[in-house]
Amino acid sequence: GGPNAGHTRPITDVGFAPDGRRFFTSSLDKTIRVWDVPTGACIDWLSFTSPPTSLTISPTGEFLVTTHTDSVGLCMWCDKSFFKTVF
């Protein structure tokens, strides 16, 4: 499915952003989807080569940490919307 569709395989983990407005779901369909809580709409998604098995969001909402089926390590992702260009 596309970014506006639900997961096509079982969900492996869920988590809320600190602001309570966004809800994250990871799935065996190799995606993480970001949902807008008030509207229930999928507002973003990430696609991976291997399924994410767990996720957590930092207290500031700036970072997302994931684990995956083919790795024993942690992957850290940064939300670029927290940064601005410095001239």
C-alpha atoms as a PDB file:
ATOM      1  CA  GLY A   1       0.000   0.000   0.000  1.00  0.00           C
ATOM      2  CA  GLY A   2       0.900   3.646  -0.338  1.00  0.00           C
ATOM      3  CA  PRO A   3       1.579   6.088   2.449  1.00  0.00           C
ATOM      4  CA  ASN A   4      -2.130   6.689   3.127  1.00  0.00           C
ATOM      5  CA  ALA A   5      -2.928   2.999   3.560  1.00  0.00           C
ATOM      6  CA  GLY A   6      -2.553   0.956   6.722  1.00  0.00           C
ATOM      7  CA  HIS A   7       0.090  -1.684   7.313  1.00  0.00           C
ATOM      8  CA  THR A   8      -0.144  -4.843   5.233  1.00  0.00           C
ATOM      9  CA  ARG A   9       1.587  -7.132   7.780  1.00  0.00           C
ATOM     10  CA  PRO A  10       1.429  -7.407  11.596  1.00  0.00           C
ATOM     11  CA  ILE A  11       2.434  -4.402  13.701  1.00  0.00           C
ATOM     12  CA  THR A  12       5.576  -4.958  15.781  1.00  0.00           C
ATOM     13  CA  ASP A  13       5.595  -1.836  17.996  1.00  0.00           C
ATOM     14  CA  VAL A  14       3.849   1.471  18.636  1.00  0.00           C
ATOM     15  CA  GLY A  15       4.757   4.766  20.298  1.00  0.00           C
ATOM     16  CA  PHE A  16       3.517   8.298  20.835  1.00  0.00           C
ATOM     17  CA  ALA A  17       5.528  11.433  20.085  1.00  0.00           C
ATOM     18  CA  PRO A  18       6.057  13.601  23.188  1.00  0.00           C
ATOM     19  CA  ASP A  19       3.473  16.134  21.997  1.00  0.00           C
ATOM     20  CA  GLY A  20       0.821  13.383  21.904  1.00  0.00           C
ATOM     21  CA  ARG A  21      -0.237  14.472  18.435  1.00  0.00           C
ATOM     22  CA  ARG A  22       1.715  11.880  16.431  1.00  0.00           C
ATOM     23  CA  PHE A  23       1.538   8.091  16.795  1.00  0.00           C
ATOM     24  CA  PHE A  24       4.204   5.794  15.294  1.00  0.00           C
ATOM     25  CA  THR A  25       3.682   2.170  14.207  1.00  0.00           C
ATOM     26  CA  SER A  26       6.289  -0.305  12.973  1.00  0.00           C
ATOM     27  CA  SER A  27       5.366  -3.405  11.020  1.00  0.00           C
ATOM     28  CA  LEU A  28       6.648  -6.572   9.418  1.00  0.00           C
ATOM     29  CA  ASP A  29       5.709  -4.922   6.092  1.00  0.00           C
ATOM     30  CA  LYS A  30       9.100  -3.135   6.410  1.00  0.00           C
ATOM     31  CA  THR A  31       7.611   0.283   7.177  1.00  0.00           C
ATOM     32  CA  ILE A  32       7.119   2.739   9.986  1.00  0.00           C
ATOM     33  CA  ARG A  33       4.076   4.941   9.635  1.00  0.00           C
ATOM     34  CA  VAL A  34       3.408   8.215  11.399  1.00  0.00           C
ATOM     35  CA  TRP A  35      -0.218   8.984  12.204  1.00  0.00           C
ATOM     36  CA  ASP A  36      -1.850  12.274  13.113  1.00  0.00           C
ATOM     37  CA  VAL A  37      -3.822  11.420  16.266  1.00  0.00           C
ATOM     38  CA  PRO A  38      -6.617  14.017  15.934  1.00  0.00           C
ATOM     39  CA  THR A  39      -7.441  13.087  12.316  1.00  0.00           C
ATOM     40  CA  GLY A  40      -6.283   9.456  12.200  1.00  0.00           C
ATOM     41  CA  ALA A  41      -4.487  10.191   8.920  1.00  0.00           C
ATOM     42  CA  CYS A  42      -1.133   8.711   7.950  1.00  0.00           C
ATOM     43  CA  ILE A  43       1.079  11.811   7.600  1.00  0.00           C
ATOM     44  CA  ASP A  44       4.456  10.201   6.879  1.00  0.00           C
ATOM     45  CA  TRP A  45       6.129   6.860   6.388  1.00  0.00           C
ATOM     46  CA  LEU A  46       9.568   5.299   6.245  1.00  0.00           C
ATOM     47  CA  SER A  47      10.426   2.184   4.247  1.00  0.00           C
ATOM     48  CA  PHE A  48      13.289  -0.196   5.108  1.00  0.00           C
ATOM     49  CA  THR A  49      14.997  -3.220   3.540  1.00  0.00           C
ATOM     50  CA  SER A  50      14.258  -5.297   6.649  1.00  0.00           C
ATOM     51  CA  PRO A  51      11.298  -5.146   9.019  1.00  0.00           C
ATOM     52  CA  PRO A  52      11.575  -2.893  12.071  1.00  0.00           C
ATOM     53  CA  THR A  53      10.916  -4.884  15.239  1.00  0.00           C
ATOM     54  CA  SER A  54      10.771  -2.021  17.737  1.00  0.00           C
ATOM     55  CA  LEU A  55      10.845   1.758  17.917  1.00  0.00           C
ATOM     56  CA  THR A  56      11.139   4.516  20.476  1.00  0.00           C
ATOM     57  CA  ILE A  57      10.919   8.278  20.205  1.00  0.00           C
ATOM     58  CA  SER A  58      13.251  10.564  22.177  1.00  0.00           C
ATOM     59  CA  PRO A  59      11.710  12.805  24.861  1.00  0.00           C
ATOM     60  CA  THR A  60      12.137  15.836  22.583  1.00  0.00           C
ATOM     61  CA  GLY A  61      10.676  14.040  19.552  1.00  0.00           C
ATOM     62  CA  GLU A  62      13.849  14.869  17.665  1.00  0.00           C
ATOM     63  CA  PHE A  63      15.092  11.277  17.298  1.00  0.00           C
ATOM     64  CA  LEU A  64      13.559   7.925  16.416  1.00  0.00           C
ATOM     65  CA  VAL A  65      15.451   4.749  17.338  1.00  0.00           C
ATOM     66  CA  THR A  66      14.629   1.440  15.662  1.00  0.00           C
ATOM     67  CA  THR A  67      15.726  -2.193  15.698  1.00  0.00           C
ATOM     68  CA  HIS A  68      15.414  -4.506  12.693  1.00  0.00           C
ATOM     69  CA  THR A  69      15.170  -8.251  12.053  1.00  0.00           C
ATOM     70  CA  ASP A  70      18.542  -8.465  10.291  1.00  0.00           C
ATOM     71  CA  SER A  71      20.580  -6.473  12.836  1.00  0.00           C
ATOM     72  CA  VAL A  72      21.584  -6.669  16.503  1.00  0.00           C
ATOM     73  CA  GLY A  73      22.266  -2.917  16.690  1.00  0.00           C
ATOM     74  CA  LEU A  74      20.179   0.216  17.048  1.00  0.00           C
ATOM     75  CA  CYS A  75      19.433   2.638  14.215  1.00  0.00           C
ATOM     76  CA  MET A  76      18.934   6.312  15.057  1.00  0.00           C
ATOM     77  CA  TRP A  77      16.992   8.624  12.763  1.00  0.00           C
ATOM     78  CA  CYS A  78      16.813  12.397  13.054  1.00  0.00           C
ATOM     79  CA  ASP A  79      13.752  14.550  12.338  1.00  0.00           C
ATOM     80  CA  LYS A  80      15.119  17.365  10.164  1.00  0.00           C
ATOM     81  CA  SER A  81      12.173  19.603  11.015  1.00  0.00           C
ATOM     82  CA  PHE A  82      13.902  20.313  14.352  1.00  0.00           C
ATOM     83  CA  PHE A  83      16.765  22.059  12.558  1.00  0.00           C
ATOM     84  CA  LYS A  84      17.012  25.219  10.504  1.00  0.00           C
ATOM     85  CA  THR A  85      19.634  26.502   8.103  1.00  0.00           C
ATOM     86  CA  VAL A  86      22.201  28.786   9.708  1.00  0.00           C
ATOM     87  CA  PHE A  87      23.590  31.505   7.453  1.00  0.00           C
END
